[in-house]
Amino acid sequence: MLQLQQIQILQFKNYGEQIFDFSERITGICGNNGVGKTNLLDAIYYLCFTKSYFSRAEGQNVRYGSTGFRIEGKFQILNHEEIPVCILRETGKKEFAINGENYARFSQHIGRYPCVFIAPDDSILITGDSRERRNFLDTLISQFDKDYLQQLIAYQKILQQRNACLKALAEKGNTSFELLDILDQQLAIPGNEIYEKRNSFLLSFSPIIISCYHEISDSKEEITISYESEMHYHTMQELLKSGRPNDLILQRTGSGIHRDELVFQMDNQPFKQVASQGQRKSLLFALKLAELEVLKAKKKFAPLLLLDDVFEKLDESRIQNLLKRVCITNEGQVFITDTNEERLAEHLNQLKLKFHLIRL
């Protein structure tokens, strides 16, 4: 089992210096808006992914008036203790170590402490553009497939080089495509690999999402999930070759796995156009709970689950269904934030669950 027993936070977001101990499998974090409930979850997420769930700019995670931050955890994983430490120094350099040993590359850490985060703004996963759904898929697969993550890193690096090459060719009016030919060959290798892994994974993942949706929503509407990719019909090499004239005009790569889409439909109509707010929340939870289920199966232990203010605008039956799924069916460690301490305690007591409350 994976369990976070303690976290020490120094100068991270609104925290000065604080230590939190987690004595139970289920932890409720309660308090008014703005006291740091979400920031505590984000600090936990940092120990799992070496980055914030919300902010790409490291400076935004430093407490106002400070020059860096430090987050230290104490994990029990498969019957041994590990101490991860993340430090952002005043120079802007970030370091991440396990038991005193620094990683050469942060990507080496991904998947060590699998974690699923559910936040209010995650509805963008349903309503936002295709990039949101690709990121969700990539983050999930990367936690159990190290090769997929390395292929993804390689693809992004070569894609940036190809786009820079396209821009240089357009600006100089150059008709020599030797470098572009080389980059096309290089980009096709991780591109083909990523496509094959995504396509294979979604064949088994989609039915899990649909099953979770019906379990949470208690509804009968038909949900379908499809993976749309130009690579269903053409290899990466063919796409780059046929798209080159247009790419030279637009100065960017218009075809490839970075354009793939995950499409949700309800009763054969676009889900985000016809679904109610409750149905959208149900699909969001289904996606995340399916992620939880897959990670548990792949890693052979349950990941951490971070639930941030998820009860707002949910009716009582959906709250109960969700809590049953995450606290009873799932045997992993769960962190839940709520502004309403009485509501959270009442629901957990109804399910006869042991829990620990942190009041901020």
Protein backbone atom coordinates (compact mmCIF):
# COMPACT_ATOMS: atom_id res chain seq x y z
CA MET A 1 0.00 0.00 0.00
CA LEU A 2 1.01 3.59 -0.64
CA GLN A 3 0.45 5.94 2.30
CA LEU A 4 1.56 9.50 2.96
CA GLN A 5 2.15 9.71 6.70
CA GLN A 6 3.44 13.26 7.01
CA ILE A 7 4.15 16.39 4.99
CA GLN A 8 6.31 19.37 5.97
CA ILE A 9 5.71 22.60 4.08
CA LEU A 10 7.98 25.65 4.12
CA GLN A 11 7.16 28.90 2.25
CA PHE A 12 4.83 27.18 -0.22
CA LYS A 13 1.94 29.35 -1.40
CA ASN A 14 0.13 30.66 1.72
CA TYR A 15 2.05 28.43 4.15
CA GLY A 16 4.95 29.72 6.24
CA GLU A 17 6.11 26.61 8.05
CA GLN A 18 3.73 23.77 8.91
CA ILE A 19 3.70 20.03 9.51
CA PHE A 20 0.67 17.80 8.89
CA ASP A 21 0.38 14.20 10.09
CA PHE A 22 -2.05 11.81 8.39
CA SER A 23 -3.06 9.08 10.83
CA GLU A 24 -6.05 7.61 8.97
CA ARG A 25 -6.59 6.33 5.44
CA ILE A 26 -9.22 9.05 4.91
CA THR A 27 -8.38 12.66 5.74
CA GLY A 28 -10.88 15.51 5.62
CA ILE A 29 -9.43 19.02 5.26
CA CYS A 30 -11.96 21.68 6.29
CA GLY A 31 -12.04 25.44 6.54
CA ASN A 32 -13.25 28.60 4.87
CA ASN A 33 -12.27 29.58 1.35
CA GLY A 34 -8.75 30.97 1.10
CA VAL A 35 -7.24 29.26 4.16
CA GLY A 36 -5.07 26.83 2.17
CA LYS A 37 -7.07 23.62 1.70
CA THR A 38 -6.32 23.38 -2.02
CA ASN A 39 -2.70 24.45 -1.44
CA LEU A 40 -2.21 21.53 0.94
CA LEU A 41 -3.48 19.11 -1.73
CA ASP A 42 -1.19 20.79 -4.26
CA ALA A 43 1.81 20.26 -1.98
CA ILE A 44 0.93 16.54 -1.84
CA TYR A 45 0.59 16.52 -5.64
CA TYR A 46 4.05 18.15 -5.89
CA LEU A 47 5.60 15.19 -4.09
CA CYS A 48 4.00 12.86 -6.65
CA PHE A 49 4.71 14.78 -9.87
CA THR A 50 7.55 17.23 -9.03
CA LYS A 51 5.27 20.11 -10.08
CA SER A 52 2.07 21.94 -9.19
CA TYR A 53 -1.31 20.72 -10.42
CA PHE A 54 -2.35 24.30 -11.11
CA SER A 55 0.62 26.51 -11.98
CA ARG A 56 3.42 26.04 -14.49
CA ALA A 57 5.39 29.03 -13.21
CA GLU A 58 7.37 27.90 -10.16
CA GLY A 59 7.56 31.45 -8.81
CA GLN A 60 3.79 31.48 -8.34
CA ASN A 61 4.12 28.68 -5.79
CA VAL A 62 6.45 30.62 -3.49
CA ARG A 63 4.92 32.36 -0.49
CA TYR A 64 4.68 36.13 -0.95
CA GLY A 65 7.84 37.80 0.33
CA SER A 66 9.90 34.57 0.23
CA THR A 67 12.51 33.45 -2.29
CA GLY A 68 11.94 29.70 -2.48
CA PHE A 69 10.08 26.78 -0.94
CA ARG A 70 10.62 23.30 0.47
CA ILE A 71 8.21 20.35 0.64
CA GLU A 72 9.13 17.13 2.43
CA GLY A 73 7.04 14.00 2.73
CA LYS A 74 7.18 10.72 4.60
CA PHE A 75 5.73 7.86 2.55
CA GLN A 76 5.15 4.24 3.44
CA ILE A 77 5.26 2.27 0.20
CA LEU A 78 5.27 -1.51 -0.07
CA ASN A 79 6.43 -1.88 3.56
CA HIS A 80 9.33 0.55 3.47
CA GLU A 81 9.73 4.27 4.21
CA GLU A 82 10.74 6.92 1.68
CA ILE A 83 11.43 10.62 2.22
CA PRO A 84 10.91 12.73 -0.92
CA VAL A 85 12.07 16.35 -0.74
CA CYS A 86 11.36 19.07 -3.28
CA ILE A 87 13.27 22.36 -3.02
CA LEU A 88 12.97 25.50 -5.11
CA ARG A 89 16.07 27.56 -4.37
CA GLU A 90 16.24 31.35 -4.47
CA THR A 91 18.20 31.06 -7.74
CA GLY A 92 15.11 29.45 -9.32
CA LYS A 93 16.77 26.03 -9.46
CA LYS A 94 14.53 23.14 -8.46
CA GLU A 95 15.81 19.95 -6.87
CA PHE A 96 14.01 16.71 -6.09
CA ALA A 97 15.46 13.89 -4.00
CA ILE A 98 14.37 10.55 -2.54
CA ASN A 99 16.11 9.61 0.72
CA GLY A 100 18.82 12.18 0.00
CA GLU A 101 19.53 11.11 -3.60
CA ASN A 102 18.77 13.72 -6.27
CA TYR A 103 17.18 12.75 -9.57
CA ALA A 104 19.18 13.46 -12.71
CA ARG A 105 15.85 14.04 -14.52
CA PHE A 106 12.52 14.81 -12.87
CA SER A 107 10.77 12.49 -15.34
CA GLN A 108 12.40 9.55 -13.50
CA HIS A 109 10.06 10.23 -10.56
CA ILE A 110 6.76 10.08 -12.46
CA GLY A 111 4.77 7.01 -11.42
CA ARG A 112 6.68 6.34 -8.19
CA TYR A 113 3.77 7.72 -6.15
CA PRO A 114 0.74 7.41 -8.44
CA CYS A 115 -1.87 10.04 -7.74
CA VAL A 116 -5.27 11.20 -9.02
CA PHE A 117 -6.45 14.77 -8.43
CA ILE A 118 -10.06 15.92 -8.88
CA ALA A 119 -10.65 19.69 -8.74
CA PRO A 120 -13.59 21.98 -9.61
CA ASP A 121 -11.82 23.45 -12.64
CA ASP A 122 -11.31 19.96 -14.08
CA SER A 123 -14.61 20.39 -15.92
CA ILE A 124 -12.41 21.88 -18.65
CA LEU A 125 -11.48 18.25 -19.35
CA ILE A 126 -15.02 17.85 -20.70
CA THR A 127 -15.69 21.33 -22.12
CA GLY A 128 -12.21 22.51 -23.12
CA ASP A 129 -10.17 21.91 -26.26
CA SER A 130 -8.52 18.65 -27.27
CA ARG A 131 -5.24 19.53 -25.53
CA GLU A 132 -6.89 19.02 -22.12
CA ARG A 133 -7.95 15.47 -22.96
CA ARG A 134 -4.56 14.57 -24.48
CA ASN A 135 -2.83 15.84 -21.33
CA PHE A 136 -5.14 13.73 -19.18
CA LEU A 137 -4.38 10.65 -21.26
CA ASP A 138 -0.64 11.32 -21.35
CA THR A 139 -0.43 11.90 -17.58
CA LEU A 140 -2.28 8.66 -16.91
CA ILE A 141 -0.25 6.43 -19.23
CA SER A 142 3.04 8.02 -18.17
CA GLN A 143 2.48 6.91 -14.57
CA PHE A 144 2.72 3.23 -15.47
CA ASP A 145 4.65 3.24 -18.77
CA LYS A 146 8.12 4.81 -18.53
CA ASP A 147 8.81 4.25 -22.23
CA TYR A 148 5.65 6.16 -23.17
CA LEU A 149 6.80 9.15 -21.10
CA GLN A 150 10.25 9.14 -22.74
CA GLN A 151 8.69 8.91 -26.21
CA LEU A 152 6.43 11.83 -25.32
CA ILE A 153 9.38 13.94 -24.17
CA ALA A 154 11.29 13.09 -27.35
CA TYR A 155 8.28 13.90 -29.54
CA GLN A 156 7.77 17.33 -27.95
CA LYS A 157 11.46 18.19 -28.31
CA ILE A 158 11.64 17.21 -31.99
CA LEU A 159 8.28 18.91 -32.70
CA GLN A 160 9.67 22.18 -31.35
CA GLN A 161 12.76 21.76 -33.56
CA ARG A 162 10.61 21.04 -36.61
CA ASN A 163 8.43 24.11 -35.99
CA ALA A 164 11.55 26.26 -35.60
CA CYS A 165 12.89 24.82 -38.86
CA LEU A 166 9.61 25.59 -40.67
CA LYS A 167 9.73 29.17 -39.42
CA ALA A 168 13.38 29.61 -40.50
CA LEU A 169 12.64 28.20 -43.97
CA ALA A 170 9.69 30.55 -44.40
CA GLU A 171 11.62 33.62 -43.26
CA LYS A 172 14.64 32.91 -45.46
CA GLY A 173 12.70 31.61 -48.46
CA ASN A 174 14.98 28.55 -48.40
CA THR A 175 14.08 25.59 -50.59
CA SER A 176 16.65 23.19 -49.11
CA PHE A 177 14.72 20.66 -47.04
CA GLU A 178 17.54 18.38 -45.87
CA LEU A 179 17.15 19.30 -42.18
CA LEU A 180 13.37 19.07 -42.44
CA ASP A 181 13.66 15.58 -43.97
CA ILE A 182 15.82 14.47 -41.04
CA LEU A 183 13.43 15.96 -38.47
CA ASP A 184 10.48 14.24 -40.17
CA GLN A 185 12.21 10.88 -39.85
CA GLN A 186 13.05 11.55 -36.20
CA LEU A 187 9.53 12.77 -35.33
CA ALA A 188 7.87 9.74 -36.90
CA ILE A 189 9.59 7.29 -34.53
CA PRO A 190 8.04 8.50 -31.22
CA GLY A 191 4.89 9.62 -33.06
CA ASN A 192 4.10 6.11 -34.29
CA GLU A 193 4.93 4.60 -30.90
CA ILE A 194 2.71 7.04 -28.96
CA TYR A 195 -0.21 6.49 -31.34
CA GLU A 196 -0.02 2.71 -31.02
CA LYS A 197 0.08 2.87 -27.22
CA ARG A 198 -2.78 5.36 -26.96
CA ASN A 199 -4.95 3.38 -29.36
CA SER A 200 -4.31 0.09 -27.58
CA PHE A 201 -4.86 1.58 -24.12
CA LEU A 202 -8.17 3.24 -25.00
CA LEU A 203 -9.67 -0.05 -26.18
CA SER A 204 -9.65 -1.25 -22.57
CA PHE A 205 -9.95 2.14 -20.83
CA SER A 206 -13.13 3.41 -22.49
CA PRO A 207 -15.41 0.62 -21.13
CA ILE A 208 -14.13 1.34 -17.60
CA ILE A 209 -15.06 5.03 -17.95
CA ILE A 210 -18.57 4.15 -19.16
CA SER A 211 -19.07 1.66 -16.32
CA CYS A 212 -17.96 4.26 -13.73
CA TYR A 213 -20.29 6.85 -15.27
CA HIS A 214 -23.37 4.67 -14.91
CA GLU A 215 -22.39 3.69 -11.38
CA ILE A 216 -22.11 7.34 -10.27
CA SER A 217 -25.03 8.82 -12.18
CA ASP A 218 -27.62 6.03 -11.84
CA SER A 219 -28.72 6.93 -15.37
CA LYS A 220 -29.49 5.05 -18.57
CA GLU A 221 -28.22 7.42 -21.28
CA GLU A 222 -25.81 5.89 -23.78
CA ILE A 223 -22.24 7.18 -23.48
CA THR A 224 -19.69 6.52 -26.21
CA ILE A 225 -15.99 7.40 -26.27
CA SER A 226 -13.91 7.43 -29.43
CA TYR A 227 -10.27 8.15 -30.17
CA GLU A 228 -9.90 10.35 -33.24
CA SER A 229 -6.53 10.40 -34.97
CA GLU A 230 -5.35 10.91 -38.52
CA MET A 231 -3.04 8.00 -37.82
CA HIS A 232 -5.95 5.57 -38.00
CA TYR A 233 -5.56 5.96 -41.77
CA HIS A 234 -1.97 7.16 -42.39
CA THR A 235 1.48 6.67 -40.91
CA MET A 236 3.24 9.61 -39.30
CA GLN A 237 5.64 9.77 -42.24
CA GLU A 238 2.76 10.03 -44.72
CA LEU A 239 1.07 12.78 -42.71
CA LEU A 240 4.24 14.87 -42.47
CA LYS A 241 4.93 14.47 -46.19
CA SER A 242 1.43 15.38 -47.36
CA GLY A 243 1.12 18.23 -44.86
CA ARG A 244 4.49 19.85 -45.59
CA PRO A 245 3.26 22.51 -48.10
CA ASN A 246 0.66 23.75 -45.62
CA ASP A 247 3.11 23.50 -42.70
CA LEU A 248 5.56 25.77 -44.55
CA ILE A 249 2.84 28.37 -45.01
CA LEU A 250 1.60 28.23 -41.40
CA GLN A 251 5.12 27.71 -39.97
CA ARG A 252 3.96 24.93 -37.65
CA THR A 253 3.30 21.18 -37.79
CA GLY A 254 -0.39 20.62 -38.52
CA SER A 255 -0.50 16.82 -38.39
CA GLY A 256 0.54 14.24 -35.83
CA ILE A 257 -0.37 12.80 -32.45
CA HIS A 258 -0.38 16.32 -30.95
CA ARG A 259 -3.66 16.84 -32.85
CA ASP A 260 -5.42 13.69 -31.61
CA GLU A 261 -8.79 13.97 -29.87
CA LEU A 262 -10.83 12.03 -27.34
CA VAL A 263 -14.51 12.46 -28.26
CA PHE A 264 -17.40 11.96 -25.82
CA GLN A 265 -20.97 11.48 -27.02
CA MET A 266 -24.28 11.02 -25.23
CA ASP A 267 -27.09 9.37 -27.16
CA ASN A 268 -25.11 9.99 -30.38
CA GLN A 269 -24.77 13.74 -29.75
CA PRO A 270 -21.71 15.77 -28.64
CA PHE A 271 -21.62 15.34 -24.87
CA LYS A 272 -20.46 18.85 -23.96
CA GLN A 273 -23.28 20.41 -25.98
CA VAL A 274 -26.21 18.38 -24.63
CA ALA A 275 -25.15 17.26 -21.15
CA SER A 276 -26.46 18.90 -17.99
CA GLN A 277 -24.08 20.21 -15.33
CA GLY A 278 -24.74 17.09 -13.25
CA GLN A 279 -24.00 14.81 -16.20
CA ARG A 280 -20.76 16.68 -16.91
CA LYS A 281 -19.68 16.23 -13.29
CA SER A 282 -20.59 12.55 -13.47
CA LEU A 283 -18.43 12.08 -16.58
CA LEU A 284 -15.55 13.98 -14.97
CA PHE A 285 -15.70 11.74 -11.90
CA ALA A 286 -15.98 8.68 -14.15
CA LEU A 287 -12.80 9.66 -16.01
CA LYS A 288 -10.89 10.17 -12.79
CA LEU A 289 -12.19 7.04 -11.09
CA ALA A 290 -11.38 5.00 -14.18
CA GLU A 291 -7.88 6.49 -13.96
CA LEU A 292 -7.74 5.39 -10.32
CA GLU A 293 -8.82 1.86 -11.25
CA VAL A 294 -6.27 1.53 -14.07
CA LEU A 295 -3.39 2.82 -11.94
CA LYS A 296 -4.26 0.39 -9.17
CA ALA A 297 -4.28 -2.52 -11.64
CA LYS A 298 -1.01 -1.47 -13.28
CA LYS A 299 0.93 -0.52 -10.13
CA LYS A 300 -0.49 -3.35 -7.95
CA PHE A 301 -1.43 -0.84 -5.23
CA ALA A 302 -3.97 1.98 -4.99
CA PRO A 303 -2.81 5.53 -5.86
CA LEU A 304 -3.39 8.58 -3.67
CA LEU A 305 -6.71 10.29 -4.36
CA LEU A 306 -7.04 14.07 -3.87
CA LEU A 307 -10.61 15.44 -3.93
CA ASP A 308 -10.81 19.22 -3.89
CA ASP A 309 -14.20 20.78 -3.11
CA VAL A 310 -16.03 18.22 -5.25
CA PHE A 311 -19.33 18.20 -3.36
CA GLU A 312 -20.51 21.64 -4.44
CA LYS A 313 -23.59 21.47 -6.72
CA LEU A 314 -23.88 17.70 -6.23
CA ASP A 315 -27.14 16.25 -4.91
CA GLU A 316 -27.11 13.95 -1.88
CA SER A 317 -27.35 10.70 -3.86
CA ARG A 318 -24.40 11.62 -6.08
CA ILE A 319 -22.33 12.56 -3.01
CA GLN A 320 -23.09 9.19 -1.40
CA ASN A 321 -22.37 7.27 -4.62
CA LEU A 322 -19.08 9.10 -5.05
CA LEU A 323 -17.97 8.55 -1.46
CA LYS A 324 -18.86 4.86 -1.60
CA ARG A 325 -16.73 4.54 -4.72
CA VAL A 326 -13.69 6.43 -3.43
CA CYS A 327 -13.72 5.42 0.24
CA ILE A 328 -15.13 1.88 0.28
CA THR A 329 -14.58 0.29 -3.15
CA ASN A 330 -11.20 2.02 -3.30
CA GLU A 331 -8.88 0.99 -0.47
CA GLY A 332 -6.24 3.67 -1.13
CA GLN A 333 -5.52 6.83 0.83
CA VAL A 334 -7.99 9.67 0.24
CA PHE A 335 -7.75 13.41 0.97
CA ILE A 336 -11.00 15.42 0.79
CA THR A 337 -11.41 19.18 1.16
CA ASP A 338 -14.73 20.80 2.05
CA THR A 339 -15.87 24.16 3.42
CA ASN A 340 -18.68 22.37 5.25
CA GLU A 341 -17.16 20.25 8.01
CA GLU A 342 -20.53 18.99 9.29
CA ARG A 343 -21.60 17.79 5.83
CA LEU A 344 -18.37 15.89 5.25
CA ALA A 345 -18.36 14.29 8.70
CA GLU A 346 -22.03 13.32 8.38
CA HIS A 347 -21.54 11.58 5.04
CA LEU A 348 -18.43 9.71 6.22
CA ASN A 349 -20.15 8.65 9.45
CA GLN A 350 -23.14 7.35 7.48
CA LEU A 351 -20.75 5.04 5.66
CA LYS A 352 -19.21 3.98 9.02
CA LEU A 353 -15.75 5.07 7.91
CA LYS A 354 -12.78 5.97 10.10
CA PHE A 355 -11.40 9.39 9.21
CA HIS A 356 -9.27 12.23 10.51
CA LEU A 357 -10.29 15.88 10.19
CA ILE A 358 -7.82 18.73 9.76
CA ARG A 359 -9.30 22.15 10.51
CA LEU A 360 -7.49 25.06 8.86
